[in-house]
N, C-alpha and C. Protein backbone atom coordinates (compact mmCIF):
# COMPACT_ATOMS: atom_id res chain seq x y z
N MET A 1 90.31 77.28 99.96
CA MET A 1 91.68 77.69 99.75
C MET A 1 92.20 77.04 98.47
N LEU A 2 92.84 77.84 97.63
CA LEU A 2 93.35 77.33 96.37
C LEU A 2 94.73 76.70 96.53
N PRO A 3 95.01 75.68 95.71
CA PRO A 3 96.36 75.12 95.72
C PRO A 3 97.34 76.14 95.12
N PRO A 4 98.63 76.00 95.37
CA PRO A 4 99.59 76.99 94.88
C PRO A 4 99.84 76.90 93.36
N THR A 5 99.48 75.78 92.75
CA THR A 5 99.65 75.61 91.30
C THR A 5 98.36 75.05 90.73
N ILE A 6 97.87 75.70 89.68
CA ILE A 6 96.64 75.24 89.02
C ILE A 6 96.80 75.35 87.51
N PRO A 7 96.09 74.50 86.76
CA PRO A 7 96.08 74.69 85.32
C PRO A 7 95.25 75.93 85.00
N ILE A 8 95.66 76.65 83.97
CA ILE A 8 94.86 77.82 83.56
C ILE A 8 94.37 77.61 82.14
N PHE A 9 93.19 78.12 81.89
CA PHE A 9 92.53 78.00 80.59
C PHE A 9 92.28 79.41 80.07
N PRO A 10 93.15 79.88 79.16
CA PRO A 10 92.99 81.24 78.66
C PRO A 10 92.01 81.31 77.49
N LEU A 11 91.13 82.27 77.55
CA LEU A 11 90.18 82.53 76.46
C LEU A 11 90.13 84.04 76.21
N PRO A 12 89.75 84.45 75.00
CA PRO A 12 89.77 85.88 74.69
C PRO A 12 88.61 86.69 75.27
N ASN A 13 87.49 86.06 75.56
CA ASN A 13 86.32 86.86 75.96
C ASN A 13 85.39 86.14 76.93
N VAL A 14 85.96 85.35 77.82
CA VAL A 14 85.16 84.62 78.80
C VAL A 14 85.66 84.96 80.20
N VAL A 15 84.74 85.40 81.05
CA VAL A 15 85.06 85.73 82.43
C VAL A 15 84.24 84.83 83.34
N LEU A 16 84.88 84.32 84.37
CA LEU A 16 84.20 83.46 85.35
C LEU A 16 83.86 84.29 86.58
N PHE A 17 82.64 84.22 87.02
CA PHE A 17 82.19 84.97 88.20
C PHE A 17 82.00 84.03 89.38
N PRO A 18 82.09 84.56 90.60
CA PRO A 18 81.94 83.69 91.78
C PRO A 18 80.58 83.03 91.84
N ASN A 19 80.58 81.74 92.12
CA ASN A 19 79.36 80.94 92.29
C ASN A 19 78.46 80.91 91.06
N VAL A 20 79.00 81.25 89.91
CA VAL A 20 78.25 81.17 88.65
C VAL A 20 78.79 79.97 87.88
N PHE A 21 77.90 79.24 87.23
CA PHE A 21 78.29 78.08 86.45
C PHE A 21 78.57 78.50 85.02
N LEU A 22 79.68 78.01 84.48
CA LEU A 22 80.09 78.31 83.12
C LEU A 22 80.22 77.01 82.36
N PRO A 23 79.36 76.80 81.33
CA PRO A 23 79.51 75.59 80.52
C PRO A 23 80.61 75.81 79.47
N LEU A 24 81.46 74.81 79.28
CA LEU A 24 82.55 74.89 78.31
C LEU A 24 82.62 73.60 77.50
N HIS A 25 82.90 73.76 76.22
CA HIS A 25 83.13 72.62 75.33
C HIS A 25 84.63 72.58 75.07
N ILE A 26 85.29 71.53 75.52
CA ILE A 26 86.75 71.42 75.45
C ILE A 26 87.11 70.50 74.29
N PHE A 27 87.80 71.07 73.28
CA PHE A 27 88.10 70.28 72.09
C PHE A 27 89.59 70.22 71.75
N GLU A 28 90.35 71.21 72.16
CA GLU A 28 91.78 71.23 71.86
C GLU A 28 92.51 70.15 72.68
N ALA A 29 93.42 69.42 72.05
CA ALA A 29 94.09 68.28 72.71
C ALA A 29 94.73 68.67 74.03
N ARG A 30 95.42 69.81 74.07
CA ARG A 30 96.11 70.18 75.32
C ARG A 30 95.13 70.46 76.45
N TYR A 31 93.96 71.00 76.12
CA TYR A 31 92.98 71.29 77.17
C TYR A 31 92.14 70.07 77.52
N ARG A 32 92.05 69.10 76.60
CA ARG A 32 91.45 67.80 76.97
C ARG A 32 92.35 67.12 78.00
N ALA A 33 93.67 67.22 77.81
CA ALA A 33 94.62 66.67 78.79
C ALA A 33 94.46 67.40 80.13
N MET A 34 94.24 68.71 80.08
CA MET A 34 94.04 69.49 81.30
C MET A 34 92.81 68.99 82.06
N VAL A 35 91.71 68.76 81.35
CA VAL A 35 90.49 68.28 82.00
C VAL A 35 90.71 66.89 82.58
N ASN A 36 91.38 66.02 81.83
CA ASN A 36 91.68 64.69 82.36
C ASN A 36 92.47 64.78 83.66
N ASP A 37 93.51 65.61 83.67
CA ASP A 37 94.34 65.75 84.87
C ASP A 37 93.55 66.38 86.01
N ALA A 38 92.77 67.41 85.70
CA ALA A 38 92.00 68.10 86.75
C ALA A 38 90.95 67.18 87.37
N THR A 39 90.25 66.41 86.55
CA THR A 39 89.20 65.54 87.09
C THR A 39 89.80 64.36 87.86
N ALA A 40 91.05 64.03 87.60
CA ALA A 40 91.73 62.99 88.38
C ALA A 40 92.28 63.55 89.68
N GLY A 41 92.28 64.87 89.81
CA GLY A 41 92.83 65.52 91.01
C GLY A 41 91.77 66.32 91.74
N ASP A 42 92.08 67.59 92.01
CA ASP A 42 91.18 68.43 92.82
C ASP A 42 90.08 69.12 92.02
N ARG A 43 90.05 68.94 90.69
CA ARG A 43 89.02 69.46 89.80
C ARG A 43 89.05 70.98 89.65
N ILE A 44 90.15 71.63 90.03
CA ILE A 44 90.24 73.08 89.96
C ILE A 44 91.05 73.50 88.74
N ILE A 45 90.50 74.47 87.98
CA ILE A 45 91.23 75.13 86.90
C ILE A 45 90.98 76.63 87.03
N GLY A 46 91.85 77.40 86.44
CA GLY A 46 91.71 78.85 86.48
C GLY A 46 91.38 79.40 85.11
N MET A 47 90.48 80.36 85.07
CA MET A 47 90.14 81.05 83.84
C MET A 47 90.86 82.39 83.83
N VAL A 48 91.54 82.69 82.72
CA VAL A 48 92.23 83.96 82.55
C VAL A 48 91.92 84.50 81.16
N LEU A 49 91.96 85.82 81.04
CA LEU A 49 91.73 86.44 79.74
C LEU A 49 93.03 86.59 78.98
N LEU A 50 92.95 86.31 77.69
CA LEU A 50 94.09 86.55 76.80
C LEU A 50 94.23 88.05 76.57
N GLN A 51 95.46 88.52 76.51
CA GLN A 51 95.69 89.93 76.20
C GLN A 51 95.52 90.16 74.70
N PRO A 52 95.20 91.39 74.30
CA PRO A 52 95.06 91.69 72.87
C PRO A 52 96.32 91.30 72.11
N GLY A 53 96.11 90.84 70.88
CA GLY A 53 97.22 90.41 70.04
C GLY A 53 97.50 88.93 70.13
N TYR A 54 96.69 88.19 70.89
CA TYR A 54 96.90 86.76 71.09
C TYR A 54 96.81 85.97 69.79
N GLU A 55 96.13 86.51 68.79
CA GLU A 55 95.86 85.77 67.55
C GLU A 55 97.14 85.31 66.85
N SER A 56 98.22 86.07 67.00
CA SER A 56 99.46 85.72 66.32
C SER A 56 100.17 84.53 66.97
N ASP A 57 99.74 84.13 68.19
CA ASP A 57 100.38 83.02 68.89
C ASP A 57 99.33 82.11 69.53
N CYS A 58 98.23 81.94 68.86
CA CYS A 58 97.09 81.20 69.43
C CYS A 58 97.45 79.76 69.79
N GLU A 59 98.30 79.12 69.01
CA GLU A 59 98.67 77.73 69.28
C GLU A 59 99.75 77.62 70.36
N GLY A 60 100.39 78.74 70.70
CA GLY A 60 101.46 78.73 71.69
C GLY A 60 100.96 79.13 73.06
N ARG A 61 101.68 80.06 73.66
CA ARG A 61 101.34 80.55 75.00
C ARG A 61 101.32 82.08 74.98
N PRO A 62 100.29 82.65 74.33
CA PRO A 62 100.23 84.11 74.25
C PRO A 62 100.02 84.74 75.63
N PRO A 63 100.38 86.00 75.78
CA PRO A 63 100.25 86.67 77.08
C PRO A 63 98.80 86.69 77.58
N VAL A 64 98.68 86.53 78.89
CA VAL A 64 97.38 86.60 79.56
C VAL A 64 97.44 87.71 80.60
N TYR A 65 96.28 88.18 81.01
CA TYR A 65 96.24 89.12 82.11
C TYR A 65 96.64 88.39 83.39
N GLY A 66 97.18 89.11 84.34
CA GLY A 66 97.76 88.53 85.53
C GLY A 66 96.81 88.12 86.62
N VAL A 67 95.51 88.40 86.43
CA VAL A 67 94.52 88.04 87.44
C VAL A 67 93.41 87.23 86.78
N GLY A 68 93.01 86.15 87.42
CA GLY A 68 91.93 85.32 86.91
C GLY A 68 91.08 84.82 88.05
N ARG A 69 90.18 83.90 87.73
CA ARG A 69 89.33 83.31 88.76
C ARG A 69 89.39 81.80 88.62
N ALA A 70 89.58 81.15 89.74
CA ALA A 70 89.58 79.69 89.78
C ALA A 70 88.16 79.18 89.79
N GLY A 71 87.99 77.99 89.28
CA GLY A 71 86.69 77.34 89.31
C GLY A 71 86.87 75.85 89.54
N VAL A 72 85.81 75.23 90.00
CA VAL A 72 85.83 73.80 90.21
C VAL A 72 84.94 73.14 89.15
N ILE A 73 85.45 72.08 88.56
CA ILE A 73 84.67 71.34 87.57
C ILE A 73 83.62 70.54 88.32
N THR A 74 82.37 70.93 88.14
CA THR A 74 81.27 70.24 88.84
C THR A 74 80.67 69.12 87.98
N HIS A 75 80.93 69.19 86.69
CA HIS A 75 80.39 68.19 85.77
C HIS A 75 81.37 68.06 84.61
N ALA A 76 81.70 66.85 84.23
CA ALA A 76 82.55 66.60 83.07
C ALA A 76 82.01 65.39 82.33
N GLU A 77 81.66 65.59 81.09
CA GLU A 77 81.13 64.50 80.27
C GLU A 77 82.02 64.33 79.05
N ALA A 78 82.67 63.17 78.97
CA ALA A 78 83.50 62.85 77.81
C ALA A 78 82.60 62.50 76.64
N GLN A 79 82.91 63.05 75.48
CA GLN A 79 82.15 62.79 74.27
C GLN A 79 82.84 61.68 73.46
N PRO A 80 82.11 61.01 72.58
CA PRO A 80 82.72 59.92 71.79
C PRO A 80 83.93 60.37 70.96
N ASP A 81 83.97 61.65 70.58
CA ASP A 81 85.08 62.15 69.77
C ASP A 81 86.29 62.57 70.60
N GLY A 82 86.23 62.32 71.92
CA GLY A 82 87.33 62.68 72.80
C GLY A 82 87.21 64.07 73.41
N TYR A 83 86.25 64.84 72.95
CA TYR A 83 86.02 66.17 73.49
C TYR A 83 85.35 66.04 74.84
N PHE A 84 85.26 67.16 75.58
CA PHE A 84 84.56 67.19 76.87
C PHE A 84 83.56 68.32 76.89
N ASP A 85 82.47 68.10 77.55
CA ASP A 85 81.56 69.17 77.96
C ASP A 85 81.68 69.23 79.47
N ILE A 86 82.04 70.42 79.98
CA ILE A 86 82.20 70.57 81.42
C ILE A 86 81.39 71.75 81.91
N ALA A 87 81.14 71.74 83.20
CA ALA A 87 80.55 72.90 83.89
C ALA A 87 81.55 73.30 84.97
N LEU A 88 81.84 74.58 85.00
CA LEU A 88 82.81 75.13 85.94
C LEU A 88 82.09 76.13 86.84
N ARG A 89 82.25 75.98 88.15
CA ARG A 89 81.64 76.93 89.10
C ARG A 89 82.74 77.83 89.65
N GLY A 90 82.51 79.13 89.55
CA GLY A 90 83.49 80.11 89.96
C GLY A 90 83.76 80.08 91.46
N LEU A 91 85.05 80.15 91.80
CA LEU A 91 85.48 80.17 93.19
C LEU A 91 86.09 81.54 93.51
N GLU A 92 87.40 81.58 93.72
CA GLU A 92 88.02 82.83 94.13
C GLU A 92 89.04 83.32 93.11
N LYS A 93 89.38 84.61 93.24
CA LYS A 93 90.35 85.23 92.34
C LYS A 93 91.76 84.82 92.71
N PHE A 94 92.64 84.91 91.72
CA PHE A 94 94.05 84.62 91.94
C PHE A 94 94.90 85.52 91.05
N ARG A 95 96.16 85.62 91.43
CA ARG A 95 97.15 86.34 90.63
C ARG A 95 98.15 85.30 90.12
N VAL A 96 98.48 85.37 88.83
CA VAL A 96 99.48 84.48 88.25
C VAL A 96 100.85 85.01 88.65
N VAL A 97 101.63 84.15 89.31
CA VAL A 97 102.97 84.52 89.76
C VAL A 97 104.01 84.05 88.74
N ALA A 98 103.84 82.85 88.21
CA ALA A 98 104.76 82.27 87.23
C ALA A 98 104.03 81.15 86.50
N GLU A 99 104.61 80.73 85.39
CA GLU A 99 104.06 79.59 84.65
C GLU A 99 105.09 78.48 84.55
N ASP A 100 104.58 77.27 84.54
CA ASP A 100 105.38 76.06 84.42
C ASP A 100 105.05 75.46 83.06
N ALA A 101 106.04 75.29 82.21
CA ALA A 101 105.81 74.80 80.85
C ALA A 101 106.02 73.29 80.72
N SER A 102 105.91 72.55 81.82
CA SER A 102 106.17 71.11 81.79
C SER A 102 105.02 70.28 81.23
N ARG A 103 103.88 70.89 81.03
CA ARG A 103 102.72 70.17 80.50
C ARG A 103 102.30 70.80 79.17
N PRO A 104 101.49 70.09 78.38
CA PRO A 104 101.06 70.68 77.11
C PRO A 104 100.10 71.88 77.31
N TYR A 105 99.38 71.87 78.41
CA TYR A 105 98.50 73.00 78.75
C TYR A 105 99.25 73.93 79.70
N ARG A 106 98.64 75.06 79.98
CA ARG A 106 99.30 76.06 80.83
C ARG A 106 99.05 75.76 82.30
N LEU A 107 100.12 75.75 83.06
CA LEU A 107 100.08 75.48 84.49
C LEU A 107 100.68 76.70 85.17
N ALA A 108 99.95 77.28 86.11
CA ALA A 108 100.41 78.52 86.74
C ALA A 108 100.62 78.37 88.23
N GLN A 109 101.68 79.00 88.70
CA GLN A 109 101.86 79.17 90.14
C GLN A 109 101.10 80.44 90.48
N ILE A 110 100.28 80.36 91.52
CA ILE A 110 99.36 81.47 91.81
C ILE A 110 99.42 81.89 93.26
N ASP A 111 98.92 83.07 93.49
CA ASP A 111 98.61 83.55 94.84
C ASP A 111 97.12 83.85 94.85
N ALA A 112 96.40 83.27 95.80
CA ALA A 112 94.98 83.58 95.94
C ALA A 112 94.84 85.03 96.37
N LEU A 113 93.82 85.71 95.85
CA LEU A 113 93.56 87.08 96.24
C LEU A 113 92.42 87.10 97.25
N PRO A 114 92.60 87.82 98.33
CA PRO A 114 91.55 87.86 99.34
C PRO A 114 90.28 88.49 98.78
N LYS A 115 89.16 88.10 99.37
CA LYS A 115 87.87 88.62 98.93
C LYS A 115 87.82 90.13 99.02
N ASP A 116 88.34 90.68 100.09
CA ASP A 116 88.38 92.12 100.26
C ASP A 116 89.79 92.61 99.96
N THR A 117 90.02 92.92 98.70
CA THR A 117 91.34 93.36 98.27
C THR A 117 91.58 94.79 98.72
N PRO A 118 92.70 95.06 99.41
CA PRO A 118 92.99 96.42 99.85
C PRO A 118 93.07 97.40 98.67
N ARG A 119 92.70 98.63 98.92
CA ARG A 119 92.65 99.66 97.87
C ARG A 119 93.99 99.79 97.14
N ASP A 120 95.11 99.74 97.85
CA ASP A 120 96.42 99.85 97.20
C ASP A 120 96.64 98.72 96.21
N ASP A 121 96.19 97.52 96.57
CA ASP A 121 96.33 96.39 95.66
C ASP A 121 95.43 96.55 94.43
N LEU A 122 94.25 97.13 94.61
CA LEU A 122 93.35 97.35 93.48
C LEU A 122 94.00 98.27 92.45
N THR A 123 94.67 99.32 92.92
CA THR A 123 95.37 100.23 92.01
C THR A 123 96.44 99.48 91.24
N THR A 124 97.20 98.64 91.92
CA THR A 124 98.24 97.85 91.27
C THR A 124 97.63 96.90 90.24
N LEU A 125 96.55 96.25 90.59
CA LEU A 125 95.90 95.30 89.69
C LEU A 125 95.37 96.00 88.44
N ARG A 126 94.84 97.20 88.59
CA ARG A 126 94.29 97.94 87.44
C ARG A 126 95.37 98.29 86.43
N HIS A 127 96.59 98.47 86.89
CA HIS A 127 97.66 98.91 86.00
C HIS A 127 98.58 97.77 85.58
N GLN A 128 98.24 96.56 85.96
CA GLN A 128 99.06 95.40 85.62
C GLN A 128 98.77 94.94 84.19
N ARG A 129 99.81 94.63 83.47
CA ARG A 129 99.64 94.12 82.09
C ARG A 129 100.51 92.93 81.88
């Protein structure tokens, strides 16, 4: 079961799949803070895709798609330069309900999506932007 609020890590072309390990190199200061906070807590972060046009606001909080997948950090290795190499294992899908801007990284209030999503919800998800 996912917590109601998780940090999210938006990328333009990375998708996390259930029970698949995703290696990530974390170098941006705000996401290094995210890894520090996550590894001190429940180790869960969410992966979401950036919507097209993100390039004009890459340093800010460009729009993301409303559905992502949570993952658990199974391995985190701090590098001498302050960067991290982590491995993330895919867990379950979630829907972003709102964002909290109180941290330098993105923190989202979420609703977990059931494994068997009803057909009506699938139609809604396909048309969500």
